Amino acid sequence: MIVGIDPGIKTGYAILDLGGKLVASGCEKEASDERMVKVISNVGIPVLVAADTHPPSYFVQKIAARLNVRVFSPQESMTKLEKRQIGAEIPDVHTRDSYAAAVKAFRRFQNRLRQIDSMQKSAMEREELKKMVICGQRIAERLNRNI
């Protein structure tokens, strides 16, 4: 899963599967990092935590560290317009911002994930390869071993 987090008094979160589909989202008032880790863990196993700002907030970094995953941060903080365009169908601003962060992270890896989807591998093997790509690991050795 790719998790977008928008920290604040109301912390928004959006969780995408590795196909880019929204599987969970919401907003937690005055959520601690411990609470957010619990919410995320109840949905599944994340491979990336995404922020909509550059640099990412300490809160986002802390959640990623607790989940033992990398942080995605755009090269420049996302604009309000960009977040509105990506999450036009999401009424809550905090959820929309977290969704936009997750989508931006997904788009960063989208072409490579699509290539993996087209491989003649089992669904489980494809998911494992996707996780490796997002985590920054090289998949060439893994593919050569399985040929």
C-alpha atoms as a PDB file:
ATOM      1  CA  MET A   1       0.000   0.000   0.000  1.00  0.00           C
ATOM      2  CA  ILE A   2       0.970   3.606  -0.541  1.00  0.00           C
ATOM      3  CA  VAL A   3      -0.161   5.844   2.313  1.00  0.00           C
ATOM      4  CA  GLY A   4      -0.672   9.582   1.954  1.00  0.00           C
ATOM      5  CA  ILE A   5      -0.627  11.584   5.178  1.00  0.00           C
ATOM      6  CA  ASP A   6      -1.702  15.203   5.687  1.00  0.00           C
ATOM      7  CA  PRO A   7      -0.780  16.084   9.290  1.00  0.00           C
ATOM      8  CA  GLY A   8      -2.394  18.794  11.361  1.00  0.00           C
ATOM      9  CA  ILE A   9      -5.042  19.226  14.030  1.00  0.00           C
ATOM     10  CA  LYS A  10      -7.072  17.024  11.716  1.00  0.00           C
ATOM     11  CA  THR A  11      -4.809  14.411  10.130  1.00  0.00           C
ATOM     12  CA  GLY A  12      -5.989  13.163   6.778  1.00  0.00           C
ATOM     13  CA  TYR A  13      -4.947   9.809   5.382  1.00  0.00           C
ATOM     14  CA  ALA A  14      -5.496   7.996   2.115  1.00  0.00           C
ATOM     15  CA  ILE A  15      -4.347   4.476   1.351  1.00  0.00           C
ATOM     16  CA  LEU A  16      -3.873   3.181  -2.191  1.00  0.00           C
ATOM     17  CA  ASP A  17      -3.184  -0.385  -3.234  1.00  0.00           C
ATOM     18  CA  LEU A  18      -0.267  -1.000  -5.589  1.00  0.00           C
ATOM     19  CA  GLY A  19      -2.664  -0.721  -8.521  1.00  0.00           C
ATOM     20  CA  GLY A  20      -3.454   2.876  -7.553  1.00  0.00           C
ATOM     21  CA  LYS A  21      -6.967   2.207  -6.229  1.00  0.00           C
ATOM     22  CA  LEU A  22      -8.140   3.983  -3.081  1.00  0.00           C
ATOM     23  CA  VAL A  23      -8.755   1.319  -0.425  1.00  0.00           C
ATOM     24  CA  ALA A  24      -9.197   3.493   2.688  1.00  0.00           C
ATOM     25  CA  SER A  25      -9.277   7.157   3.630  1.00  0.00           C
ATOM     26  CA  GLY A  26     -10.391   9.380   6.414  1.00  0.00           C
ATOM     27  CA  CYS A  27      -9.552  12.067   8.897  1.00  0.00           C
ATOM     28  CA  GLU A  28      -8.539  11.701  12.535  1.00  0.00           C
ATOM     29  CA  LYS A  29      -8.806  14.624  14.946  1.00  0.00           C
ATOM     30  CA  GLU A  30      -5.660  15.222  17.013  1.00  0.00           C
ATOM     31  CA  ALA A  31      -4.240  11.872  15.950  1.00  0.00           C
ATOM     32  CA  SER A  32      -0.953  10.729  17.432  1.00  0.00           C
ATOM     33  CA  ASP A  33       1.615   8.913  15.354  1.00  0.00           C
ATOM     34  CA  GLU A  34       0.709   5.787  17.329  1.00  0.00           C
ATOM     35  CA  ARG A  35      -2.967   6.132  16.350  1.00  0.00           C
ATOM     36  CA  MET A  36      -2.111   6.653  12.681  1.00  0.00           C
ATOM     37  CA  VAL A  37       0.185   3.606  12.647  1.00  0.00           C
ATOM     38  CA  LYS A  38      -2.686   1.553  14.090  1.00  0.00           C
ATOM     39  CA  VAL A  39      -5.176   2.852  11.494  1.00  0.00           C
ATOM     40  CA  ILE A  40      -2.754   2.118   8.647  1.00  0.00           C
ATOM     41  CA  SER A  41      -1.777  -1.312   9.980  1.00  0.00           C
ATOM     42  CA  ASN A  42      -5.428  -2.324  10.263  1.00  0.00           C
ATOM     43  CA  VAL A  43      -5.788  -1.805   6.490  1.00  0.00           C
ATOM     44  CA  GLY A  44      -2.639  -3.627   5.387  1.00  0.00           C
ATOM     45  CA  ILE A  45       1.118  -3.481   5.019  1.00  0.00           C
ATOM     46  CA  PRO A  46       2.454  -0.192   3.640  1.00  0.00           C
ATOM     47  CA  VAL A  47       5.519   0.089   1.410  1.00  0.00           C
ATOM     48  CA  LEU A  48       5.653   3.896   1.198  1.00  0.00           C
ATOM     49  CA  VAL A  49       4.380   6.927   3.118  1.00  0.00           C
ATOM     50  CA  ALA A  50       3.756  10.034   1.016  1.00  0.00           C
ATOM     51  CA  ALA A  51       3.668  13.729   1.887  1.00  0.00           C
ATOM     52  CA  ASP A  52       2.345  16.641  -0.155  1.00  0.00           C
ATOM     53  CA  THR A  53       5.116  18.967   1.033  1.00  0.00           C
ATOM     54  CA  HIS A  54       8.833  19.303   0.494  1.00  0.00           C
ATOM     55  CA  PRO A  55      10.474  18.633   2.797  1.00  0.00           C
ATOM     56  CA  PRO A  56       8.056  16.190   4.454  1.00  0.00           C
ATOM     57  CA  SER A  57       6.885  17.037   7.954  1.00  0.00           C
ATOM     58  CA  TYR A  58       8.433  15.474  11.036  1.00  0.00           C
ATOM     59  CA  PHE A  59       5.091  13.730  11.696  1.00  0.00           C
ATOM     60  CA  VAL A  60       5.147  12.008   8.282  1.00  0.00           C
ATOM     61  CA  GLN A  61       8.777  10.990   8.792  1.00  0.00           C
ATOM     62  CA  LYS A  62       7.940   9.615  12.237  1.00  0.00           C
ATOM     63  CA  ILE A  63       5.072   7.495  10.899  1.00  0.00           C
ATOM     64  CA  ALA A  64       7.262   6.144   8.096  1.00  0.00           C
ATOM     65  CA  ALA A  65      10.000   5.288  10.598  1.00  0.00           C
ATOM     66  CA  ARG A  66       7.528   3.475  12.855  1.00  0.00           C
ATOM     67  CA  LEU A  67       6.262   1.505   9.851  1.00  0.00           C
ATOM     68  CA  ASN A  68       9.849   0.934   8.653  1.00  0.00           C
ATOM     69  CA  VAL A  69       9.170   2.294   5.149  1.00  0.00           C
ATOM     70  CA  ARG A  70      10.510   5.109   2.964  1.00  0.00           C
ATOM     71  CA  VAL A  71       9.002   8.571   2.647  1.00  0.00           C
ATOM     72  CA  PHE A  72       7.982  10.033  -0.707  1.00  0.00           C
ATOM     73  CA  SER A  73       8.070  13.804  -0.938  1.00  0.00           C
ATOM     74  CA  PRO A  74       7.567  15.768  -4.172  1.00  0.00           C
ATOM     75  CA  GLN A  75      10.462  17.888  -5.450  1.00  0.00           C
ATOM     76  CA  GLU A  76       8.328  20.952  -4.674  1.00  0.00           C
ATOM     77  CA  SER A  77       5.369  21.195  -2.316  1.00  0.00           C
ATOM     78  CA  MET A  78       2.110  20.504  -4.105  1.00  0.00           C
ATOM     79  CA  THR A  79      -0.103  23.529  -4.798  1.00  0.00           C
ATOM     80  CA  LYS A  80      -3.708  23.775  -3.648  1.00  0.00           C
ATOM     81  CA  LEU A  81      -4.790  23.730  -7.300  1.00  0.00           C
ATOM     82  CA  GLU A  82      -2.848  20.531  -8.024  1.00  0.00           C
ATOM     83  CA  LYS A  83      -4.343  18.826  -4.955  1.00  0.00           C
ATOM     84  CA  ARG A  84      -7.845  19.967  -5.950  1.00  0.00           C
ATOM     85  CA  GLN A  85      -7.396  18.623  -9.478  1.00  0.00           C
ATOM     86  CA  ILE A  86      -6.194  15.220  -8.280  1.00  0.00           C
ATOM     87  CA  GLY A  87      -8.791  14.813  -5.541  1.00  0.00           C
ATOM     88  CA  ALA A  88     -11.733  16.696  -7.054  1.00  0.00           C
ATOM     89  CA  GLU A  89     -14.231  14.055  -5.876  1.00  0.00           C
ATOM     90  CA  ILE A  90     -13.064  14.181  -2.224  1.00  0.00           C
ATOM     91  CA  PRO A  91     -14.885  16.855  -0.186  1.00  0.00           C
ATOM     92  CA  ASP A  92     -12.735  16.855   2.987  1.00  0.00           C
ATOM     93  CA  VAL A  93      -9.626  19.004   2.443  1.00  0.00           C
ATOM     94  CA  HIS A  94      -7.353  16.923   4.721  1.00  0.00           C
ATOM     95  CA  THR A  95      -8.357  13.637   3.117  1.00  0.00           C
ATOM     96  CA  ARG A  96      -8.029  15.216  -0.334  1.00  0.00           C
ATOM     97  CA  ASP A  97      -4.505  16.475   0.419  1.00  0.00           C
ATOM     98  CA  SER A  98      -3.411  13.056   1.680  1.00  0.00           C
ATOM     99  CA  TYR A  99      -5.009  11.408  -1.363  1.00  0.00           C
ATOM    100  CA  ALA A 100      -3.157  13.806  -3.677  1.00  0.00           C
ATOM    101  CA  ALA A 101       0.131  12.931  -1.944  1.00  0.00           C
ATOM    102  CA  ALA A 102      -0.509   9.198  -2.352  1.00  0.00           C
ATOM    103  CA  VAL A 103      -1.516   9.593  -6.011  1.00  0.00           C
ATOM    104  CA  LYS A 104       1.571  11.697  -6.755  1.00  0.00           C
ATOM    105  CA  ALA A 105       3.747   8.967  -5.184  1.00  0.00           C
ATOM    106  CA  PHE A 106       1.906   6.276  -7.161  1.00  0.00           C
ATOM    107  CA  ARG A 107       2.397   8.199 -10.408  1.00  0.00           C
ATOM    108  CA  ARG A 108       6.141   8.349  -9.716  1.00  0.00           C
ATOM    109  CA  PHE A 109       6.244   4.519  -9.956  1.00  0.00           C
ATOM    110  CA  GLN A 110       3.266   3.944 -12.281  1.00  0.00           C
ATOM    111  CA  ASN A 111       5.160   3.009 -15.457  1.00  0.00           C
ATOM    112  CA  ARG A 112       7.383   0.482 -13.705  1.00  0.00           C
ATOM    113  CA  LEU A 113       4.383  -1.012 -11.870  1.00  0.00           C
ATOM    114  CA  ARG A 114       2.492  -1.316 -15.163  1.00  0.00           C
ATOM    115  CA  GLN A 115       5.483  -3.144 -16.690  1.00  0.00           C
ATOM    116  CA  ILE A 116       5.458  -5.582 -13.777  1.00  0.00           C
ATOM    117  CA  ASP A 117       1.704  -6.158 -14.247  1.00  0.00           C
ATOM    118  CA  SER A 118       2.370  -7.260 -17.826  1.00  0.00           C
ATOM    119  CA  MET A 119       4.917  -9.897 -16.771  1.00  0.00           C
ATOM    120  CA  GLN A 120       4.118 -13.593 -16.965  1.00  0.00           C
ATOM    121  CA  LYS A 121       4.385 -14.057 -13.200  1.00  0.00           C
ATOM    122  CA  SER A 122       1.928 -15.099 -10.529  1.00  0.00           C
ATOM    123  CA  ALA A 123      -0.029 -12.314  -8.824  1.00  0.00           C
ATOM    124  CA  MET A 124       1.978 -12.884  -5.653  1.00  0.00           C
ATOM    125  CA  GLU A 125       5.307 -12.595  -7.509  1.00  0.00           C
ATOM    126  CA  ARG A 126       4.147  -9.388  -9.234  1.00  0.00           C
ATOM    127  CA  GLU A 127       3.145  -7.834  -5.908  1.00  0.00           C
ATOM    128  CA  GLU A 128       6.537  -8.729  -4.441  1.00  0.00           C
ATOM    129  CA  LEU A 129       8.323  -7.161  -7.436  1.00  0.00           C
ATOM    130  CA  LYS A 130       6.204  -4.005  -7.066  1.00  0.00           C
ATOM    131  CA  LYS A 131       7.177  -3.722  -3.408  1.00  0.00           C
ATOM    132  CA  MET A 132      10.830  -4.094  -4.347  1.00  0.00           C
ATOM    133  CA  VAL A 133      10.598  -1.316  -6.973  1.00  0.00           C
ATOM    134  CA  ILE A 134       8.880   1.095  -4.588  1.00  0.00           C
ATOM    135  CA  CYS A 135      11.383   0.292  -1.832  1.00  0.00           C
ATOM    136  CA  GLY A 136      14.219   1.174  -4.205  1.00  0.00           C
ATOM    137  CA  GLN A 137      15.540  -2.356  -4.605  1.00  0.00           C
ATOM    138  CA  ARG A 138      16.847  -3.719  -7.895  1.00  0.00           C
ATOM    139  CA  ILE A 139      14.638  -6.429  -9.363  1.00  0.00           C
ATOM    140  CA  ALA A 140      16.963  -7.575 -12.179  1.00  0.00           C
ATOM    141  CA  GLU A 141      18.767 -10.142 -10.004  1.00  0.00           C
ATOM    142  CA  ARG A 142      15.451 -11.491  -8.732  1.00  0.00           C
ATOM    143  CA  LEU A 143      14.111 -11.838 -12.277  1.00  0.00           C
ATOM    144  CA  ASN A 144      17.300 -13.564 -13.491  1.00  0.00           C
ATOM    145  CA  ARG A 145      17.110 -16.080 -10.641  1.00  0.00           C
ATOM    146  CA  ASN A 146      13.564 -17.028 -11.583  1.00  0.00           C
ATOM    147  CA  ILE A 147      14.175 -17.498 -15.319  1.00  0.00           C
END
